Amino acid sequence: MDDKDFLELIISERMGMHHDNFKKEHPPTEEQAAEAEKAGQAHELLFQQLSAEQREMMELCEDVTNSEATRETEYYYRAGFRDGVSLDRLIKQIRENNK
């Protein structure tokens, strides 16, 4: 495993941990849960009405959409990490200059 693979593994693990913490710390409201349930039922009803080929096409669209959302989330996570490192360096530099 090279450095890039290791970094990918760490980021993936940390994002998963933060996702789990978010779900625990911010559970959906009753309204949000009801909305999600309704959307799930509508999704299931729609899929039942599609042919196998149409379902496959729809699943592909959903997979691409989910993949893009994941990539975007990962980008923001990485950007926040870089911002934190930059801020830490800046604070250390300011402290060093004020000695």
C-alpha atoms as a PDB file:
ATOM      1  CA  MET A   1       0.000   0.000   0.000  1.00  0.00           C
ATOM      2  CA  ASP A   2       1.517   3.302  -1.045  1.00  0.00           C
ATOM      3  CA  ASP A   3       0.992   6.690   0.637  1.00  0.00           C
ATOM      4  CA  LYS A   4      -1.900   7.634  -1.650  1.00  0.00           C
ATOM      5  CA  ASP A   5      -3.759   4.388  -0.917  1.00  0.00           C
ATOM      6  CA  PHE A   6      -3.128   4.843   2.799  1.00  0.00           C
ATOM      7  CA  LEU A   7      -4.495   8.402   2.692  1.00  0.00           C
ATOM      8  CA  GLU A   8      -7.576   7.182   0.785  1.00  0.00           C
ATOM      9  CA  LEU A   9      -8.150   4.504   3.421  1.00  0.00           C
ATOM     10  CA  ILE A  10      -7.812   6.975   6.302  1.00  0.00           C
ATOM     11  CA  ILE A  11     -10.152   9.497   4.662  1.00  0.00           C
ATOM     12  CA  SER A  12     -12.704   6.815   3.885  1.00  0.00           C
ATOM     13  CA  GLU A  13     -12.621   5.511   7.458  1.00  0.00           C
ATOM     14  CA  ARG A  14     -12.880   9.008   8.953  1.00  0.00           C
ATOM     15  CA  MET A  15     -15.761   9.984   6.669  1.00  0.00           C
ATOM     16  CA  GLY A  16     -17.582   6.808   7.663  1.00  0.00           C
ATOM     17  CA  MET A  17     -16.995   7.579  11.339  1.00  0.00           C
ATOM     18  CA  HIS A  18     -18.289  11.141  10.922  1.00  0.00           C
ATOM     19  CA  HIS A  19     -21.314   9.870   9.004  1.00  0.00           C
ATOM     20  CA  ASP A  20     -22.161   7.452  11.820  1.00  0.00           C
ATOM     21  CA  ASN A  21     -21.689  10.194  14.418  1.00  0.00           C
ATOM     22  CA  PHE A  22     -23.894  12.555  12.428  1.00  0.00           C
ATOM     23  CA  LYS A  23     -26.705  10.000  12.271  1.00  0.00           C
ATOM     24  CA  LYS A  24     -26.462   9.448  16.040  1.00  0.00           C
ATOM     25  CA  GLU A  25     -26.175  13.116  17.000  1.00  0.00           C
ATOM     26  CA  HIS A  26     -28.710  14.442  14.497  1.00  0.00           C
ATOM     27  CA  PRO A  27     -31.457  11.876  14.028  1.00  0.00           C
ATOM     28  CA  PRO A  28     -34.181  12.850  11.570  1.00  0.00           C
ATOM     29  CA  THR A  29     -37.215  14.619  12.914  1.00  0.00           C
ATOM     30  CA  GLU A  30     -40.531  12.802  12.722  1.00  0.00           C
ATOM     31  CA  GLU A  31     -41.395  14.917   9.693  1.00  0.00           C
ATOM     32  CA  GLN A  32     -38.105  14.076   7.964  1.00  0.00           C
ATOM     33  CA  ALA A  33     -38.505  10.375   8.739  1.00  0.00           C
ATOM     34  CA  ALA A  34     -42.061  10.419   7.371  1.00  0.00           C
ATOM     35  CA  GLU A  35     -40.853  12.230   4.246  1.00  0.00           C
ATOM     36  CA  ALA A  36     -38.086   9.676   3.730  1.00  0.00           C
ATOM     37  CA  GLU A  37     -40.552   6.817   4.197  1.00  0.00           C
ATOM     38  CA  LYS A  38     -42.937   8.374   1.688  1.00  0.00           C
ATOM     39  CA  ALA A  39     -40.094   8.858  -0.809  1.00  0.00           C
ATOM     40  CA  GLY A  40     -38.996   5.258  -0.327  1.00  0.00           C
ATOM     41  CA  GLN A  41     -42.495   3.994  -0.982  1.00  0.00           C
ATOM     42  CA  ALA A  42     -42.805   6.177  -4.090  1.00  0.00           C
ATOM     43  CA  HIS A  43     -39.447   4.889  -5.307  1.00  0.00           C
ATOM     44  CA  GLU A  44     -40.537   1.282  -4.796  1.00  0.00           C
ATOM     45  CA  LEU A  45     -43.856   1.876  -6.557  1.00  0.00           C
ATOM     46  CA  LEU A  46     -42.078   3.498  -9.490  1.00  0.00           C
ATOM     47  CA  PHE A  47     -39.595   0.650  -9.788  1.00  0.00           C
ATOM     48  CA  GLN A  48     -42.403  -1.915  -9.791  1.00  0.00           C
ATOM     49  CA  GLN A  49     -43.903  -0.210 -12.826  1.00  0.00           C
ATOM     50  CA  LEU A  50     -40.673  -0.154 -14.850  1.00  0.00           C
ATOM     51  CA  SER A  51     -39.457  -2.845 -17.192  1.00  0.00           C
ATOM     52  CA  ALA A  52     -36.202  -4.623 -16.332  1.00  0.00           C
ATOM     53  CA  GLU A  53     -34.334  -2.464 -18.850  1.00  0.00           C
ATOM     54  CA  GLN A  54     -35.855   0.731 -17.437  1.00  0.00           C
ATOM     55  CA  ARG A  55     -35.003  -0.339 -13.864  1.00  0.00           C
ATOM     56  CA  GLU A  56     -31.415  -0.959 -14.927  1.00  0.00           C
ATOM     57  CA  MET A  57     -31.233   2.501 -16.516  1.00  0.00           C
ATOM     58  CA  MET A  58     -32.748   4.109 -13.415  1.00  0.00           C
ATOM     59  CA  GLU A  59     -30.352   2.255 -11.122  1.00  0.00           C
ATOM     60  CA  LEU A  60     -27.439   3.465 -13.248  1.00  0.00           C
ATOM     61  CA  CYS A  61     -28.677   7.057 -12.908  1.00  0.00           C
ATOM     62  CA  GLU A  62     -29.010   6.636  -9.138  1.00  0.00           C
ATOM     63  CA  ASP A  63     -25.544   5.090  -8.869  1.00  0.00           C
ATOM     64  CA  VAL A  64     -23.975   7.964 -10.804  1.00  0.00           C
ATOM     65  CA  THR A  65     -25.828  10.546  -8.714  1.00  0.00           C
ATOM     66  CA  ASN A  66     -24.765   8.873  -5.464  1.00  0.00           C
ATOM     67  CA  SER A  67     -21.180   8.584  -6.690  1.00  0.00           C
ATOM     68  CA  GLU A  68     -21.069  12.269  -7.566  1.00  0.00           C
ATOM     69  CA  ALA A  69     -22.507  13.233  -4.174  1.00  0.00           C
ATOM     70  CA  THR A  70     -19.878  11.053  -2.489  1.00  0.00           C
ATOM     71  CA  ARG A  71     -17.073  12.641  -4.501  1.00  0.00           C
ATOM     72  CA  GLU A  72     -18.344  16.115  -3.631  1.00  0.00           C
ATOM     73  CA  THR A  73     -18.574  15.269   0.061  1.00  0.00           C
ATOM     74  CA  GLU A  74     -15.064  13.844  -0.013  1.00  0.00           C
ATOM     75  CA  TYR A  75     -13.808  17.022  -1.708  1.00  0.00           C
ATOM     76  CA  TYR A  76     -15.281  19.180   1.066  1.00  0.00           C
ATOM     77  CA  TYR A  77     -13.841  16.877   3.719  1.00  0.00           C
ATOM     78  CA  ARG A  78     -10.386  17.109   2.160  1.00  0.00           C
ATOM     79  CA  ALA A  79     -10.695  20.887   1.756  1.00  0.00           C
ATOM     80  CA  GLY A  80     -11.616  21.222   5.435  1.00  0.00           C
ATOM     81  CA  PHE A  81      -8.641  19.071   6.384  1.00  0.00           C
ATOM     82  CA  ARG A  82      -6.293  21.226   4.270  1.00  0.00           C
ATOM     83  CA  ASP A  83      -7.800  24.372   5.795  1.00  0.00           C
ATOM     84  CA  GLY A  84      -7.184  22.979   9.276  1.00  0.00           C
ATOM     85  CA  VAL A  85      -3.560  22.166   8.493  1.00  0.00           C
ATOM     86  CA  SER A  86      -3.043  25.632   6.965  1.00  0.00           C
ATOM     87  CA  LEU A  87      -4.621  27.308   9.982  1.00  0.00           C
ATOM     88  CA  ASP A  88      -2.429  25.277  12.329  1.00  0.00           C
ATOM     89  CA  ARG A  89       0.680  26.344  10.406  1.00  0.00           C
ATOM     90  CA  LEU A  90      -0.426  29.990  10.415  1.00  0.00           C
ATOM     91  CA  ILE A  91      -1.034  29.963  14.169  1.00  0.00           C
ATOM     92  CA  LYS A  92       2.376  28.369  14.784  1.00  0.00           C
ATOM     93  CA  GLN A  93       4.000  30.994  12.546  1.00  0.00           C
ATOM     94  CA  ILE A  94       2.257  33.852  14.365  1.00  0.00           C
ATOM     95  CA  ARG A  95       3.304  32.449  17.741  1.00  0.00           C
ATOM     96  CA  GLU A  96       6.864  32.051  16.538  1.00  0.00           C
ATOM     97  CA  ASN A  97       6.941  35.653  15.236  1.00  0.00           C
ATOM     98  CA  ASN A  98       5.557  37.004  18.540  1.00  0.00           C
ATOM     99  CA  LYS A  99       8.312  35.440  20.667  1.00  0.00           C
END
